[in-house]
Amino acid sequence: MLINDEAKLIVNEYALTRCARCNFCESVCPTYIAFRRRVYGPRGRIWIIMFLSQGVKLSNDESTGLLTCLGCRACDLVCPAGIRIAEAIHDAKVLLVKAALK
């Protein structure tokens, strides 16, 4: 299975398209608070997973943004759409690592 096909499964399983772009998740994300850059926050990471699902080759900055998620799940607690953001990010990180090892 190609990485974009696996990323599509993540998008569908966690219903990432339900993201309302409310920014509640970014207000509690430690890496977003520290760096103040979209790629280091949950909302940016959702978009990075969407890029992966469309077959877009990630930049180093986007890969780093995804991989720096601490997995603290603060974003999950405040998401009004009920998206399990941290789990989706974890699964996408696994995809990136598996692809790098091939």
PDB file of N, CA and C in Angstrom:
ATOM      1  N   MET A   1       0.847  -1.183   0.000  1.00  0.00           N
ATOM      2  CA  MET A   1       0.000   0.000   0.000  1.00  0.00           C
ATOM      3  C   MET A   1       0.891   1.243   0.000  1.00  0.00           C
ATOM      4  N   LEU A   2       0.538   2.214  -0.825  1.00  0.00           N
ATOM      5  CA  LEU A   2       1.291   3.454  -0.912  1.00  0.00           C
ATOM      6  C   LEU A   2       1.010   4.337   0.291  1.00  0.00           C
ATOM      7  N   ILE A   3       1.970   5.223   0.616  1.00  0.00           N
ATOM      8  CA  ILE A   3       1.812   6.086   1.786  1.00  0.00           C
ATOM      9  C   ILE A   3       0.564   6.961   1.664  1.00  0.00           C
ATOM     10  N   ASN A   4       0.250   7.444   0.445  1.00  0.00           N
ATOM     11  CA  ASN A   4      -0.944   8.294   0.321  1.00  0.00           C
ATOM     12  C   ASN A   4      -2.228   7.491   0.551  1.00  0.00           C
ATOM     13  N   ASP A   5      -2.240   6.213   0.178  1.00  0.00           N
ATOM     14  CA  ASP A   5      -3.413   5.373   0.449  1.00  0.00           C
ATOM     15  C   ASP A   5      -3.586   5.152   1.947  1.00  0.00           C
ATOM     16  N   GLU A   6      -2.476   4.930   2.637  1.00  0.00           N
ATOM     17  CA  GLU A   6      -2.546   4.748   4.091  1.00  0.00           C
ATOM     18  C   GLU A   6      -2.964   6.053   4.771  1.00  0.00           C
ATOM     19  N   ALA A   7      -2.485   7.174   4.262  1.00  0.00           N
ATOM     20  CA  ALA A   7      -2.875   8.471   4.821  1.00  0.00           C
ATOM     21  C   ALA A   7      -4.364   8.734   4.595  1.00  0.00           C
ATOM     22  N   LYS A   8      -4.899   8.289   3.458  1.00  0.00           N
ATOM     23  CA  LYS A   8      -6.339   8.436   3.199  1.00  0.00           C
ATOM     24  C   LYS A   8      -7.145   7.674   4.247  1.00  0.00           C
ATOM     25  N   LEU A   9      -6.643   6.502   4.642  1.00  0.00           N
ATOM     26  CA  LEU A   9      -7.320   5.731   5.684  1.00  0.00           C
ATOM     27  C   LEU A   9      -7.347   6.510   6.996  1.00  0.00           C
ATOM     28  N   ILE A  10      -6.246   7.191   7.308  1.00  0.00           N
ATOM     29  CA  ILE A  10      -6.183   8.006   8.529  1.00  0.00           C
ATOM     30  C   ILE A  10      -7.195   9.148   8.442  1.00  0.00           C
ATOM     31  N   VAL A  11      -7.220   9.842   7.302  1.00  0.00           N
ATOM     32  CA  VAL A  11      -8.167  10.950   7.106  1.00  0.00           C
ATOM     33  C   VAL A  11      -9.594  10.465   7.335  1.00  0.00           C
ATOM     34  N   ASN A  12      -9.925   9.311   6.778  1.00  0.00           N
ATOM     35  CA  ASN A  12     -11.284   8.776   6.912  1.00  0.00           C
ATOM     36  C   ASN A  12     -11.566   8.234   8.308  1.00  0.00           C
ATOM     37  N   GLU A  13     -10.623   7.465   8.858  1.00  0.00           N
ATOM     38  CA  GLU A  13     -10.840   6.850  10.176  1.00  0.00           C
ATOM     39  C   GLU A  13     -11.069   7.899  11.255  1.00  0.00           C
ATOM     40  N   TYR A  14     -10.293   8.959  11.213  1.00  0.00           N
ATOM     41  CA  TYR A  14     -10.389   9.990  12.248  1.00  0.00           C
ATOM     42  C   TYR A  14     -11.239  11.183  11.813  1.00  0.00           C
ATOM     43  N   ALA A  15     -11.876  11.097  10.646  1.00  0.00           N
ATOM     44  CA  ALA A  15     -12.770  12.146  10.136  1.00  0.00           C
ATOM     45  C   ALA A  15     -12.119  13.526  10.201  1.00  0.00           C
ATOM     46  N   LEU A  16     -10.907  13.614   9.690  1.00  0.00           N
ATOM     47  CA  LEU A  16     -10.157  14.867   9.773  1.00  0.00           C
ATOM     48  C   LEU A  16     -10.815  16.009   9.008  1.00  0.00           C
ATOM     49  N   THR A  17     -11.652  15.677   8.041  1.00  0.00           N
ATOM     50  CA  THR A  17     -12.329  16.736   7.287  1.00  0.00           C
ATOM     51  C   THR A  17     -13.378  17.464   8.133  1.00  0.00           C
ATOM     52  N   ARG A  18     -13.674  16.948   9.313  1.00  0.00           N
ATOM     53  CA  ARG A  18     -14.606  17.636  10.224  1.00  0.00           C
ATOM     54  C   ARG A  18     -13.961  18.827  10.917  1.00  0.00           C
ATOM     55  N   CYS A  19     -12.664  19.008  10.749  1.00  0.00           N
ATOM     56  CA  CYS A  19     -11.976  20.130  11.399  1.00  0.00           C
ATOM     57  C   CYS A  19     -12.650  21.442  10.997  1.00  0.00           C
ATOM     58  N   ALA A  20     -13.070  22.220  11.996  1.00  0.00           N
ATOM     59  CA  ALA A  20     -13.760  23.489  11.755  1.00  0.00           C
ATOM     60  C   ALA A  20     -12.791  24.672  11.730  1.00  0.00           C
ATOM     61  N   ARG A  21     -11.505  24.407  11.900  1.00  0.00           N
ATOM     62  CA  ARG A  21     -10.473  25.447  11.910  1.00  0.00           C
ATOM     63  C   ARG A  21     -10.755  26.513  12.982  1.00  0.00           C
ATOM     64  N   CYS A  22     -11.195  26.059  14.133  1.00  0.00           N
ATOM     65  CA  CYS A  22     -11.543  26.964  15.233  1.00  0.00           C
ATOM     66  C   CYS A  22     -10.318  27.426  16.024  1.00  0.00           C
ATOM     67  N   ASN A  23      -9.219  26.704  15.882  1.00  0.00           N
ATOM     68  CA  ASN A  23      -7.952  27.005  16.570  1.00  0.00           C
ATOM     69  C   ASN A  23      -7.951  26.695  18.069  1.00  0.00           C
ATOM     70  N   PHE A  24      -8.995  26.060  18.590  1.00  0.00           N
ATOM     71  CA  PHE A  24      -8.976  25.683  20.003  1.00  0.00           C
ATOM     72  C   PHE A  24      -7.784  24.773  20.289  1.00  0.00           C
ATOM     73  N   CYS A  25      -7.508  23.862  19.358  1.00  0.00           N
ATOM     74  CA  CYS A  25      -6.413  22.906  19.555  1.00  0.00           C
ATOM     75  C   CYS A  25      -5.062  23.618  19.649  1.00  0.00           C
ATOM     76  N   GLU A  26      -4.884  24.653  18.843  1.00  0.00           N
ATOM     77  CA  GLU A  26      -3.602  25.361  18.854  1.00  0.00           C
ATOM     78  C   GLU A  26      -3.406  26.140  20.146  1.00  0.00           C
ATOM     79  N   SER A  27      -4.500  26.570  20.759  1.00  0.00           N
ATOM     80  CA  SER A  27      -4.386  27.353  21.991  1.00  0.00           C
ATOM     81  C   SER A  27      -3.863  26.528  23.159  1.00  0.00           C
ATOM     82  N   VAL A  28      -3.898  25.187  23.037  1.00  0.00           N
ATOM     83  CA  VAL A  28      -3.429  24.328  24.131  1.00  0.00           C
ATOM     84  C   VAL A  28      -2.227  23.466  23.749  1.00  0.00           C
ATOM     85  N   CYS A  29      -1.766  23.578  22.513  1.00  0.00           N
ATOM     86  CA  CYS A  29      -0.672  22.723  22.034  1.00  0.00           C
ATOM     87  C   CYS A  29       0.686  23.281  22.463  1.00  0.00           C
ATOM     88  N   PRO A  30       1.468  22.511  23.233  1.00  0.00           N
ATOM     89  CA  PRO A  30       2.757  23.020  23.710  1.00  0.00           C
ATOM     90  C   PRO A  30       3.741  23.369  22.593  1.00  0.00           C
ATOM     91  N   THR A  31       3.763  22.579  21.517  1.00  0.00           N
ATOM     92  CA  THR A  31       4.726  22.894  20.452  1.00  0.00           C
ATOM     93  C   THR A  31       4.272  24.104  19.643  1.00  0.00           C
ATOM     94  N   TYR A  32       2.973  24.262  19.445  1.00  0.00           N
ATOM     95  CA  TYR A  32       2.500  25.459  18.746  1.00  0.00           C
ATOM     96  C   TYR A  32       2.765  26.702  19.593  1.00  0.00           C
ATOM     97  N   ILE A  33       2.509  26.611  20.883  1.00  0.00           N
ATOM     98  CA  ILE A  33       2.741  27.741  21.784  1.00  0.00           C
ATOM     99  C   ILE A  33       4.220  28.130  21.784  1.00  0.00           C
ATOM    100  N   ALA A  34       5.102  27.140  21.743  1.00  0.00           N
ATOM    101  CA  ALA A  34       6.545  27.410  21.764  1.00  0.00           C
ATOM    102  C   ALA A  34       7.048  28.022  20.460  1.00  0.00           C
ATOM    103  N   PHE A  35       6.567  27.512  19.323  1.00  0.00           N
ATOM    104  CA  PHE A  35       7.119  27.935  18.027  1.00  0.00           C
ATOM    105  C   PHE A  35       6.238  28.915  17.260  1.00  0.00           C
ATOM    106  N   ARG A  36       4.948  28.973  17.571  1.00  0.00           N
ATOM    107  CA  ARG A  36       4.005  29.865  16.887  1.00  0.00           C
ATOM    108  C   ARG A  36       4.042  29.736  15.364  1.00  0.00           C
ATOM    109  N   ARG A  37       4.163  28.498  14.913  1.00  0.00           N
ATOM    110  CA  ARG A  37       4.143  28.212  13.471  1.00  0.00           C
ATOM    111  C   ARG A  37       3.117  27.124  13.235  1.00  0.00           C
ATOM    112  N   ARG A  38       2.291  27.323  12.231  1.00  0.00           N
ATOM    113  CA  ARG A  38       1.170  26.419  11.960  1.00  0.00           C
ATOM    114  C   ARG A  38       1.608  24.959  11.860  1.00  0.00           C
ATOM    115  N   VAL A  39       2.763  24.680  11.237  1.00  0.00           N
ATOM    116  CA  VAL A  39       3.181  23.277  11.073  1.00  0.00           C
ATOM    117  C   VAL A  39       3.481  22.599  12.407  1.00  0.00           C
ATOM    118  N   TYR A  40       3.664  23.376  13.466  1.00  0.00           N
ATOM    119  CA  TYR A  40       3.947  22.807  14.782  1.00  0.00           C
ATOM    120  C   TYR A  40       2.698  22.725  15.663  1.00  0.00           C
ATOM    121  N   GLY A  41       1.538  22.914  15.070  1.00  0.00           N
ATOM    122  CA  GLY A  41       0.286  22.821  15.817  1.00  0.00           C
ATOM    123  C   GLY A  41      -0.623  21.754  15.239  1.00  0.00           C
ATOM    124  N   PRO A  42      -1.633  21.358  15.983  1.00  0.00           N
ATOM    125  CA  PRO A  42      -2.541  20.306  15.525  1.00  0.00           C
ATOM    126  C   PRO A  42      -3.235  20.624  14.203  1.00  0.00           C
ATOM    127  N   ARG A  43      -3.664  21.857  14.039  1.00  0.00           N
ATOM    128  CA  ARG A  43      -4.357  22.224  12.800  1.00  0.00           C
ATOM    129  C   ARG A  43      -3.432  22.071  11.597  1.00  0.00           C
ATOM    130  N   GLY A  44      -2.202  22.524  11.738  1.00  0.00           N
ATOM    131  CA  GLY A  44      -1.229  22.351  10.665  1.00  0.00           C
ATOM    132  C   GLY A  44      -0.919  20.892  10.411  1.00  0.00           C
ATOM    133  N   ARG A  45      -0.859  20.122  11.470  1.00  0.00           N
ATOM    134  CA  ARG A  45      -0.570  18.689  11.317  1.00  0.00           C
ATOM    135  C   ARG A  45      -1.713  17.968  10.616  1.00  0.00           C
ATOM    136  N   ILE A  46      -2.941  18.396  10.868  1.00  0.00           N
ATOM    137  CA  ILE A  46      -4.071  17.818  10.135  1.00  0.00           C
ATOM    138  C   ILE A  46      -3.893  18.084   8.644  1.00  0.00           C
ATOM    139  N   TRP A  47      -3.514  19.305   8.296  1.00  0.00           N
ATOM    140  CA  TRP A  47      -3.301  19.633   6.879  1.00  0.00           C
ATOM    141  C   TRP A  47      -2.153  18.832   6.289  1.00  0.00           C
ATOM    142  N   ILE A  48      -1.119  18.599   7.078  1.00  0.00           N
ATOM    143  CA  ILE A  48       0.012  17.795   6.598  1.00  0.00           C
ATOM    144  C   ILE A  48      -0.459  16.370   6.280  1.00  0.00           C
ATOM    145  N   ILE A  49      -1.302  15.811   7.135  1.00  0.00           N
ATOM    146  CA  ILE A  49      -1.841  14.473   6.875  1.00  0.00           C
ATOM    147  C   ILE A  49      -2.692  14.492   5.600  1.00  0.00           C
ATOM    148  N   MET A  50      -3.458  15.564   5.411  1.00  0.00           N
ATOM    149  CA  MET A  50      -4.242  15.705   4.176  1.00  0.00           C
ATOM    150  C   MET A  50      -3.322  15.750   2.956  1.00  0.00           C
ATOM    151  N   PHE A  51      -2.215  16.496   3.066  1.00  0.00           N
ATOM    152  CA  PHE A  51      -1.239  16.549   1.967  1.00  0.00           C
ATOM    153  C   PHE A  51      -0.742  15.146   1.642  1.00  0.00           C
ATOM    154  N   LEU A  52      -0.380  14.395   2.691  1.00  0.00           N
ATOM    155  CA  LEU A  52       0.090  13.021   2.493  1.00  0.00           C
ATOM    156  C   LEU A  52      -0.952  12.188   1.752  1.00  0.00           C
ATOM    157  N   SER A  53      -2.215  12.366   2.115  1.00  0.00           N
ATOM    158  CA  SER A  53      -3.279  11.572   1.490  1.00  0.00           C
ATOM    159  C   SER A  53      -3.461  11.913   0.012  1.00  0.00           C
ATOM    160  N   GLN A  54      -2.995  13.089  -0.384  1.00  0.00           N
ATOM    161  CA  GLN A  54      -3.094  13.515  -1.784  1.00  0.00           C
ATOM    162  C   GLN A  54      -1.814  13.228  -2.562  1.00  0.00           C
ATOM    163  N   GLY A  55      -0.866  12.575  -1.903  1.00  0.00           N
ATOM    164  CA  GLY A  55       0.373  12.208  -2.579  1.00  0.00           C
ATOM    165  C   GLY A  55       1.407  13.314  -2.652  1.00  0.00           C
ATOM    166  N   VAL A  56       1.215  14.385  -1.891  1.00  0.00           N
ATOM    167  CA  VAL A  56       2.166  15.495  -1.881  1.00  0.00           C
ATOM    168  C   VAL A  56       3.419  15.079  -1.121  1.00  0.00           C
ATOM    169  N   LYS A  57       4.574  15.352  -1.700  1.00  0.00           N
ATOM    170  CA  LYS A  57       5.835  15.079  -1.012  1.00  0.00           C
ATOM    171  C   LYS A  57       6.046  16.181   0.023  1.00  0.00           C
ATOM    172  N   LEU A  58       6.253  15.776   1.262  1.00  0.00           N
ATOM    173  CA  LEU A  58       6.392  16.749   2.338  1.00  0.00           C
ATOM    174  C   LEU A  58       7.761  17.405   2.324  1.00  0.00           C
ATOM    175  N   SER A  59       7.784  18.668   2.697  1.00  0.00           N
ATOM    176  CA  SER A  59       9.053  19.370   2.888  1.00  0.00           C
ATOM    177  C   SER A  59       9.655  18.904   4.214  1.00  0.00           C
ATOM    178  N   ASN A  60      10.913  19.213   4.432  1.00  0.00           N
ATOM    179  CA  ASN A  60      11.543  18.872   5.715  1.00  0.00           C
ATOM    180  C   ASN A  60      10.805  19.549   6.865  1.00  0.00           C
ATOM    181  N   ASP A  61      10.380  20.789   6.648  1.00  0.00           N
ATOM    182  CA  ASP A  61       9.665  21.539   7.674  1.00  0.00           C
ATOM    183  C   ASP A  61       8.342  20.854   8.034  1.00  0.00           C
ATOM    184  N   GLU A  62       7.621  20.379   7.023  1.00  0.00           N
ATOM    185  CA  GLU A  62       6.349  19.696   7.272  1.00  0.00           C
ATOM    186  C   GLU A  62       6.567  18.364   7.978  1.00  0.00           C
ATOM    187  N   SER A  63       7.571  17.617   7.562  1.00  0.00           N
ATOM    188  CA  SER A  63       7.878  16.343   8.233  1.00  0.00           C
ATOM    189  C   SER A  63       8.255  16.587   9.684  1.00  0.00           C
ATOM    190  N   THR A  64       9.095  17.590   9.911  1.00  0.00           N
ATOM    191  CA  THR A  64       9.513  17.926  11.276  1.00  0.00           C
ATOM    192  C   THR A  64       8.309  18.354  12.105  1.00  0.00           C
ATOM    193  N   GLY A  65       7.438  19.149  11.513  1.00  0.00           N
ATOM    194  CA  GLY A  65       6.238  19.581  12.225  1.00  0.00           C
ATOM    195  C   GLY A  65       5.406  18.406  12.697  1.00  0.00           C
ATOM    196  N   LEU A  66       5.230  17.435  11.839  1.00  0.00           N
ATOM    197  CA  LEU A  66       4.450  16.247  12.193  1.00  0.00           C
ATOM    198  C   LEU A  66       5.157  15.435  13.280  1.00  0.00           C
ATOM    199  N   LEU A  67       6.448  15.256  13.121  1.00  0.00           N
ATOM    200  CA  LEU A  67       7.206  14.402  14.041  1.00  0.00           C
ATOM    201  C   LEU A  67       7.418  15.020  15.419  1.00  0.00           C
ATOM    202  N   THR A  68       7.230  16.329  15.563  1.00  0.00           N
ATOM    203  CA  THR A  68       7.470  16.972  16.858  1.00  0.00           C
ATOM    204  C   THR A  68       6.254  16.972  17.779  1.00  0.00           C
ATOM    205  N   CYS A  69       5.157  16.390  17.334  1.00  0.00           N
ATOM    206  CA  CYS A  69       3.991  16.278  18.216  1.00  0.00           C
ATOM    207  C   CYS A  69       4.386  15.470  19.450  1.00  0.00           C
ATOM    208  N   LEU A  70       4.059  15.994  20.618  1.00  0.00           N
ATOM    209  CA  LEU A  70       4.421  15.332  21.875  1.00  0.00           C
ATOM    210  C   LEU A  70       3.448  14.222  22.267  1.00  0.00           C
ATOM    211  N   GLY A  71       2.302  14.168  21.612  1.00  0.00           N
ATOM    212  CA  GLY A  71       1.312  13.144  21.947  1.00  0.00           C
ATOM    213  C   GLY A  71       0.619  13.382  23.276  1.00  0.00           C
ATOM    214  N   CYS A  72       0.573  14.626  23.720  1.00  0.00           N
ATOM    215  CA  CYS A  72      -0.007  14.934  25.036  1.00  0.00           C
ATOM    216  C   CYS A  72      -1.536  14.876  25.050  1.00  0.00           C
ATOM    217  N   ARG A  73      -2.153  14.903  23.890  1.00  0.00           N
ATOM    218  CA  ARG A  73      -3.601  14.810  23.705  1.00  0.00           C
ATOM    219  C   ARG A  73      -4.390  16.031  24.195  1.00  0.00           C
ATOM    220  N   ALA A  74      -3.717  17.125  24.481  1.00  0.00           N
ATOM    221  CA  ALA A  74      -4.433  18.336  24.892  1.00  0.00           C
ATOM    222  C   ALA A  74      -5.400  18.779  23.799  1.00  0.00           C
ATOM    223  N   CYS A  75      -4.994  18.603  22.555  1.00  0.00           N
ATOM    224  CA  CYS A  75      -5.843  18.990  21.416  1.00  0.00           C
ATOM    225  C   CYS A  75      -7.144  18.192  21.393  1.00  0.00           C
ATOM    226  N   ASP A  76      -7.062  16.921  21.727  1.00  0.00           N
ATOM    227  CA  ASP A  76      -8.251  16.064  21.729  1.00  0.00           C
ATOM    228  C   ASP A  76      -9.292  16.564  22.731  1.00  0.00           C
ATOM    229  N   LEU A  77      -8.817  17.053  23.854  1.00  0.00           N
ATOM    230  CA  LEU A  77      -9.721  17.471  24.928  1.00  0.00           C
ATOM    231  C   LEU A  77     -10.526  18.715  24.578  1.00  0.00           C
ATOM    232  N   VAL A  78      -9.985  19.569  23.704  1.00  0.00           N
ATOM    233  CA  VAL A  78     -10.671  20.824  23.393  1.00  0.00           C
ATOM    234  C   VAL A  78     -11.340  20.840  22.022  1.00  0.00           C
ATOM    235  N   CYS A  79     -11.182  19.799  21.249  1.00  0.00           N
ATOM    236  CA  CYS A  79     -11.730  19.782  19.887  1.00  0.00           C
ATOM    237  C   CYS A  79     -13.259  19.676  19.930  1.00  0.00           C
ATOM    238  N   PRO A  80     -13.968  20.729  19.488  1.00  0.00           N
ATOM    239  CA  PRO A  80     -15.429  20.668  19.523  1.00  0.00           C
ATOM    240  C   PRO A  80     -16.015  19.657  18.534  1.00  0.00           C
ATOM    241  N   ALA A  81     -15.238  19.278  17.526  1.00  0.00           N
ATOM    242  CA  ALA A  81     -15.700  18.286  16.546  1.00  0.00           C
ATOM    243  C   ALA A  81     -15.455  16.860  17.027  1.00  0.00           C
ATOM    244  N   GLY A  82     -14.742  16.716  18.149  1.00  0.00           N
ATOM    245  CA  GLY A  82     -14.478  15.392  18.700  1.00  0.00           C
ATOM    246  C   GLY A  82     -13.464  14.581  17.914  1.00  0.00           C
ATOM    247  N   ILE A  83     -12.629  15.258  17.141  1.00  0.00           N
ATOM    248  CA  ILE A  83     -11.612  14.554  16.352  1.00  0.00           C
ATOM    249  C   ILE A  83     -10.513  14.071  17.290  1.00  0.00           C
ATOM    250  N   ARG A  84     -10.112  12.830  17.123  1.00  0.00           N
ATOM    251  CA  ARG A  84      -9.003  12.277  17.914  1.00  0.00           C
ATOM    252  C   ARG A  84      -7.700  12.644  17.188  1.00  0.00           C
ATOM    253  N   ILE A  85      -7.332  13.904  17.323  1.00  0.00           N
ATOM    254  CA  ILE A  85      -6.221  14.478  16.568  1.00  0.00           C
ATOM    255  C   ILE A  85      -4.904  13.791  16.905  1.00  0.00           C
ATOM    256  N   ALA A  86      -4.635  13.606  18.178  1.00  0.00           N
ATOM    257  CA  ALA A  86      -3.355  13.028  18.595  1.00  0.00           C
ATOM    258  C   ALA A  86      -3.168  11.614  18.046  1.00  0.00           C
ATOM    259  N   GLU A  87      -4.231  10.829  18.007  1.00  0.00           N
ATOM    260  CA  GLU A  87      -4.129   9.474  17.454  1.00  0.00           C
ATOM    261  C   GLU A  87      -3.856   9.516  15.954  1.00  0.00           C
ATOM    262  N   ALA A  88      -4.518  10.428  15.260  1.00  0.00           N
ATOM    263  CA  ALA A  88      -4.291  10.568  13.817  1.00  0.00           C
ATOM    264  C   ALA A  88      -2.847  10.967  13.542  1.00  0.00           C
ATOM    265  N   ILE A  89      -2.342  11.902  14.341  1.00  0.00           N
ATOM    266  CA  ILE A  89      -0.954  12.343  14.173  1.00  0.00           C
ATOM    267  C   ILE A  89      -0.003  11.184  14.457  1.00  0.00           C
ATOM    268  N   HIS A  90      -0.283  10.425  15.508  1.00  0.00           N
ATOM    269  CA  HIS A  90       0.567   9.271  15.829  1.00  0.00           C
ATOM    270  C   HIS A  90       0.617   8.297  14.657  1.00  0.00           C
ATOM    271  N   ASP A  91      -0.541   7.979  14.100  1.00  0.00           N
ATOM    272  CA  ASP A  91      -0.583   7.043  12.972  1.00  0.00           C
ATOM    273  C   ASP A  91       0.177   7.590  11.762  1.00  0.00           C
ATOM    274  N   ALA A  92       0.083   8.895  11.532  1.00  0.00           N
ATOM    275  CA  ALA A  92       0.816   9.509  10.415  1.00  0.00           C
ATOM    276  C   ALA A  92       2.322   9.487  10.667  1.00  0.00           C
ATOM    277  N   LYS A  93       2.722   9.672  11.918  1.00  0.00           N
ATOM    278  CA  LYS A  93       4.153   9.589  12.252  1.00  0.00           C
ATOM    279  C   LYS A  93       4.682   8.185  11.961  1.00  0.00           C
ATOM    280  N   VAL A  94       3.889   7.181  12.290  1.00  0.00           N
ATOM    281  CA  VAL A  94       4.276   5.799  12.003  1.00  0.00           C
ATOM    282  C   VAL A  94       4.463   5.616  10.498  1.00  0.00           C
ATOM    283  N   LEU A  95       3.551   6.180   9.700  1.00  0.00           N
ATOM    284  CA  LEU A  95       3.685   6.103   8.239  1.00  0.00           C
ATOM    285  C   LEU A  95       4.997   6.713   7.757  1.00  0.00           C
ATOM    286  N   LEU A  96       5.321   7.896   8.281  1.00  0.00           N
ATOM    287  CA  LEU A  96       6.556   8.565   7.859  1.00  0.00           C
ATOM    288  C   LEU A  96       7.785   7.741   8.202  1.00  0.00           C
ATOM    289  N   VAL A  97       7.801   7.185   9.391  1.00  0.00           N
ATOM    290  CA  VAL A  97       8.955   6.384   9.814  1.00  0.00           C
ATOM    291  C   VAL A  97       9.063   5.121   8.965  1.00  0.00           C
ATOM    292  N   LYS A  98       7.935   4.449   8.734  1.00  0.00           N
ATOM    293  CA  LYS A  98       7.959   3.248   7.887  1.00  0.00           C
ATOM    294  C   LYS A  98       8.460   3.576   6.485  1.00  0.00           C
ATOM    295  N   ALA A  99       8.018   4.691   5.934  1.00  0.00           N
ATOM    296  CA  ALA A  99       8.448   5.092   4.586  1.00  0.00           C
ATOM    297  C   ALA A  99       9.939   5.402   4.561  1.00  0.00           C
ATOM    298  N   ALA A 100      10.444   5.986   5.634  1.00  0.00           N
ATOM    299  CA  ALA A 100      11.869   6.327   5.703  1.00  0.00           C
ATOM    300  C   ALA A 100      12.739   5.078   5.811  1.00  0.00           C
ATOM    301  N   LEU A 101      12.191   4.016   6.390  1.00  0.00           N
ATOM    302  CA  LEU A 101      12.956   2.781   6.570  1.00  0.00           C
ATOM    303  C   LEU A 101      12.971   1.906   5.326  1.00  0.00           C
ATOM    304  N   LYS A 102      12.141   2.217   4.339  1.00  0.00           N
ATOM    305  CA  LYS A 102      12.086   1.404   3.112  1.00  0.00           C
ATOM    306  C   LYS A 102      13.226   1.748   2.189  1.00  0.00           C
TER     307      LYS A 102
END
